Amino acid sequence: MTGMTMQKMHLVMGGRVSDPQGFDYLDLDKLDLVGVYPDYNSAEEAWRGNAQRTVDDAEMKYVIVHLHRLLEPDLQED
């Protein structure tokens, strides 16, 4: 894939974790899949809104997952 760039995709998701320092989600059936975004800035905006909405609940954790890095781990980013 020399010279080709991959579309960047970012998943925003959250849920209840056993430890706020980690990523052990307690009930995968209840994950809040916020959405998939084409750039980091829009994903961060969605993440920030959800994280701030649940700021008083230490067991709720929202994250941004770089899907494009999972799909093409060897691809160098610009």
N, C-alpha and C. Protein backbone atom coordinates (compact mmCIF):
# COMPACT_ATOMS: atom_id res chain seq x y z
N MET A 1 0.81 -1.19 0.00
CA MET A 1 0.00 0.00 0.00
C MET A 1 0.86 1.26 0.00
N THR A 2 1.95 1.23 -0.70
CA THR A 2 2.84 2.37 -0.76
C THR A 2 2.12 3.57 -1.37
N GLY A 3 2.24 4.72 -0.71
CA GLY A 3 1.64 5.95 -1.22
C GLY A 3 0.16 6.12 -0.91
N MET A 4 -0.47 5.10 -0.37
CA MET A 4 -1.90 5.20 -0.05
C MET A 4 -2.06 5.59 1.41
N THR A 5 -3.06 6.40 1.68
CA THR A 5 -3.37 6.74 3.06
C THR A 5 -4.68 6.09 3.44
N MET A 6 -4.74 5.64 4.66
CA MET A 6 -5.94 4.97 5.15
C MET A 6 -6.85 5.99 5.81
N GLN A 7 -8.13 5.81 5.63
CA GLN A 7 -9.10 6.66 6.32
C GLN A 7 -8.94 6.46 7.82
N LYS A 8 -8.90 7.55 8.54
CA LYS A 8 -8.77 7.46 9.98
C LYS A 8 -10.15 7.35 10.61
N MET A 9 -10.27 6.42 11.54
CA MET A 9 -11.54 6.20 12.23
C MET A 9 -11.27 6.12 13.72
N HIS A 10 -12.10 6.79 14.50
CA HIS A 10 -11.95 6.83 15.95
C HIS A 10 -13.27 6.45 16.59
N LEU A 11 -13.24 5.43 17.43
CA LEU A 11 -14.42 4.97 18.16
C LEU A 11 -14.43 5.60 19.54
N VAL A 12 -15.55 6.18 19.93
CA VAL A 12 -15.72 6.69 21.29
C VAL A 12 -16.68 5.75 22.00
N MET A 13 -16.23 5.24 23.15
CA MET A 13 -17.06 4.31 23.91
C MET A 13 -16.79 4.49 25.39
N GLY A 14 -17.71 4.00 26.19
CA GLY A 14 -17.53 4.09 27.63
C GLY A 14 -18.38 3.09 28.36
N GLY A 15 -18.11 2.97 29.63
CA GLY A 15 -18.86 2.06 30.46
C GLY A 15 -18.29 2.01 31.87
N ARG A 16 -18.86 1.15 32.65
CA ARG A 16 -18.46 1.00 34.06
C ARG A 16 -17.23 0.09 34.12
N VAL A 17 -16.20 0.55 34.84
CA VAL A 17 -14.95 -0.21 34.98
C VAL A 17 -14.75 -0.64 36.43
N SER A 18 -13.99 -1.71 36.62
CA SER A 18 -13.71 -2.19 37.98
C SER A 18 -12.68 -1.30 38.67
N ASP A 19 -11.81 -0.68 37.89
CA ASP A 19 -10.76 0.20 38.43
C ASP A 19 -10.61 1.37 37.46
N PRO A 20 -10.80 2.60 37.93
CA PRO A 20 -10.71 3.77 37.04
C PRO A 20 -9.34 3.93 36.37
N GLN A 21 -8.31 3.28 36.92
CA GLN A 21 -6.97 3.35 36.33
C GLN A 21 -6.82 2.38 35.15
N GLY A 22 -7.73 1.43 35.01
CA GLY A 22 -7.59 0.39 33.99
C GLY A 22 -8.71 0.41 32.97
N PHE A 23 -8.77 -0.67 32.20
CA PHE A 23 -9.73 -0.79 31.11
C PHE A 23 -10.55 -2.07 31.21
N ASP A 24 -10.77 -2.55 32.42
CA ASP A 24 -11.56 -3.76 32.64
C ASP A 24 -13.02 -3.36 32.78
N TYR A 25 -13.75 -3.37 31.66
CA TYR A 25 -15.16 -3.00 31.66
C TYR A 25 -15.97 -4.13 32.26
N LEU A 26 -16.88 -3.79 33.16
CA LEU A 26 -17.60 -4.80 33.94
C LEU A 26 -18.68 -5.53 33.14
N ASP A 27 -19.39 -4.84 32.29
CA ASP A 27 -20.50 -5.47 31.56
C ASP A 27 -20.46 -5.00 30.11
N LEU A 28 -19.87 -5.82 29.25
CA LEU A 28 -19.72 -5.44 27.84
C LEU A 28 -21.06 -5.24 27.15
N ASP A 29 -22.11 -5.88 27.64
CA ASP A 29 -23.43 -5.70 27.06
C ASP A 29 -23.98 -4.30 27.30
N LYS A 30 -23.42 -3.61 28.28
CA LYS A 30 -23.91 -2.27 28.61
C LYS A 30 -22.94 -1.17 28.19
N LEU A 31 -21.96 -1.50 27.35
CA LEU A 31 -21.06 -0.47 26.86
C LEU A 31 -21.85 0.59 26.10
N ASP A 32 -21.48 1.83 26.29
CA ASP A 32 -22.07 2.94 25.56
C ASP A 32 -21.19 3.20 24.34
N LEU A 33 -21.62 2.72 23.18
CA LEU A 33 -20.88 2.95 21.94
C LEU A 33 -21.38 4.27 21.37
N VAL A 34 -20.65 5.31 21.66
CA VAL A 34 -21.06 6.67 21.30
C VAL A 34 -21.07 6.85 19.79
N GLY A 35 -20.01 6.41 19.12
CA GLY A 35 -19.97 6.53 17.67
C GLY A 35 -18.57 6.42 17.11
N VAL A 36 -18.49 6.42 15.78
CA VAL A 36 -17.23 6.38 15.05
C VAL A 36 -17.08 7.72 14.34
N TYR A 37 -15.89 8.31 14.45
CA TYR A 37 -15.65 9.66 13.94
C TYR A 37 -14.46 9.66 12.98
N PRO A 38 -14.50 10.53 11.97
CA PRO A 38 -13.48 10.52 10.92
C PRO A 38 -12.18 11.23 11.29
N ASP A 39 -12.16 11.94 12.41
CA ASP A 39 -10.94 12.62 12.82
C ASP A 39 -10.90 12.71 14.34
N TYR A 40 -9.70 12.93 14.85
CA TYR A 40 -9.51 12.92 16.29
C TYR A 40 -10.27 14.07 16.97
N ASN A 41 -10.30 15.23 16.35
CA ASN A 41 -10.96 16.38 16.97
C ASN A 41 -12.44 16.13 17.22
N SER A 42 -13.14 15.56 16.26
CA SER A 42 -14.56 15.29 16.46
C SER A 42 -14.76 14.16 17.48
N ALA A 43 -13.85 13.19 17.49
CA ALA A 43 -13.93 12.11 18.49
C ALA A 43 -13.68 12.67 19.88
N GLU A 44 -12.72 13.58 19.99
CA GLU A 44 -12.42 14.17 21.29
C GLU A 44 -13.60 15.00 21.81
N GLU A 45 -14.27 15.68 20.91
CA GLU A 45 -15.45 16.47 21.31
C GLU A 45 -16.55 15.56 21.86
N ALA A 46 -16.79 14.43 21.19
CA ALA A 46 -17.79 13.47 21.67
C ALA A 46 -17.35 12.85 22.99
N TRP A 47 -16.07 12.49 23.09
CA TRP A 47 -15.54 11.91 24.33
C TRP A 47 -15.70 12.90 25.48
N ARG A 48 -15.30 14.15 25.25
CA ARG A 48 -15.34 15.17 26.30
C ARG A 48 -16.77 15.37 26.82
N GLY A 49 -17.73 15.42 25.93
CA GLY A 49 -19.13 15.60 26.34
C GLY A 49 -19.61 14.47 27.23
N ASN A 50 -19.27 13.24 26.87
CA ASN A 50 -19.71 12.08 27.66
C ASN A 50 -18.92 11.97 28.96
N ALA A 51 -17.63 12.22 28.90
CA ALA A 51 -16.80 12.15 30.12
C ALA A 51 -17.24 13.21 31.12
N GLN A 52 -17.55 14.41 30.66
CA GLN A 52 -18.00 15.47 31.58
C GLN A 52 -19.38 15.17 32.15
N ARG A 53 -20.22 14.53 31.35
CA ARG A 53 -21.56 14.18 31.82
C ARG A 53 -21.51 13.17 32.96
N THR A 54 -20.47 12.33 32.99
CA THR A 54 -20.35 11.28 34.01
C THR A 54 -19.19 11.54 34.98
N VAL A 55 -18.73 12.78 35.05
CA VAL A 55 -17.54 13.11 35.85
C VAL A 55 -17.69 12.76 37.33
N ASP A 56 -18.88 12.77 37.86
CA ASP A 56 -19.08 12.47 39.28
C ASP A 56 -19.14 10.97 39.57
N ASP A 57 -19.09 10.14 38.55
CA ASP A 57 -19.14 8.68 38.72
C ASP A 57 -17.76 8.12 38.38
N ALA A 58 -16.94 7.87 39.41
CA ALA A 58 -15.56 7.43 39.20
C ALA A 58 -15.44 6.09 38.48
N GLU A 59 -16.50 5.31 38.48
CA GLU A 59 -16.44 4.00 37.83
C GLU A 59 -16.83 4.03 36.36
N MET A 60 -17.24 5.20 35.87
CA MET A 60 -17.57 5.35 34.45
C MET A 60 -16.35 5.89 33.72
N LYS A 61 -16.01 5.25 32.61
CA LYS A 61 -14.82 5.66 31.86
C LYS A 61 -15.13 5.65 30.37
N TYR A 62 -14.85 6.78 29.72
CA TYR A 62 -14.99 6.90 28.27
C TYR A 62 -13.60 7.00 27.66
N VAL A 63 -13.43 6.40 26.50
CA VAL A 63 -12.14 6.38 25.82
C VAL A 63 -12.32 6.62 24.32
N ILE A 64 -11.22 6.99 23.68
CA ILE A 64 -11.16 7.09 22.23
C ILE A 64 -10.27 5.95 21.74
N VAL A 65 -10.79 5.12 20.86
CA VAL A 65 -10.04 4.01 20.30
C VAL A 65 -9.69 4.37 18.85
N HIS A 66 -8.42 4.31 18.52
CA HIS A 66 -7.96 4.61 17.16
C HIS A 66 -8.14 3.35 16.31
N LEU A 67 -9.30 3.21 15.70
CA LEU A 67 -9.61 2.01 14.93
C LEU A 67 -8.65 1.81 13.76
N HIS A 68 -8.25 2.90 13.13
CA HIS A 68 -7.34 2.80 11.98
C HIS A 68 -6.01 2.18 12.40
N ARG A 69 -5.58 2.39 13.62
CA ARG A 69 -4.33 1.78 14.09
C ARG A 69 -4.49 0.29 14.33
N LEU A 70 -5.69 -0.13 14.72
CA LEU A 70 -5.95 -1.55 14.92
C LEU A 70 -6.06 -2.28 13.58
N LEU A 71 -6.65 -1.62 12.59
CA LEU A 71 -6.84 -2.25 11.29
C LEU A 71 -5.55 -2.35 10.48
N GLU A 72 -4.67 -1.37 10.63
CA GLU A 72 -3.40 -1.35 9.90
C GLU A 72 -2.28 -0.98 10.87
N PRO A 73 -1.87 -1.90 11.76
CA PRO A 73 -0.89 -1.55 12.79
C PRO A 73 0.48 -1.17 12.24
N ASP A 74 0.84 -1.65 11.05
CA ASP A 74 2.16 -1.35 10.49
C ASP A 74 2.18 -0.07 9.66
N LEU A 75 1.04 0.53 9.45
CA LEU A 75 0.94 1.73 8.63
C LEU A 75 1.49 2.93 9.39
N GLN A 76 2.41 3.63 8.77
CA GLN A 76 2.98 4.84 9.38
C GLN A 76 2.00 5.99 9.21
N GLU A 77 1.78 6.73 10.29
CA GLU A 77 0.88 7.88 10.23
C GLU A 77 1.68 9.12 9.90
N ASP A 78 0.99 10.08 9.25
CA ASP A 78 1.63 11.36 8.92
C ASP A 78 1.83 12.18 10.16
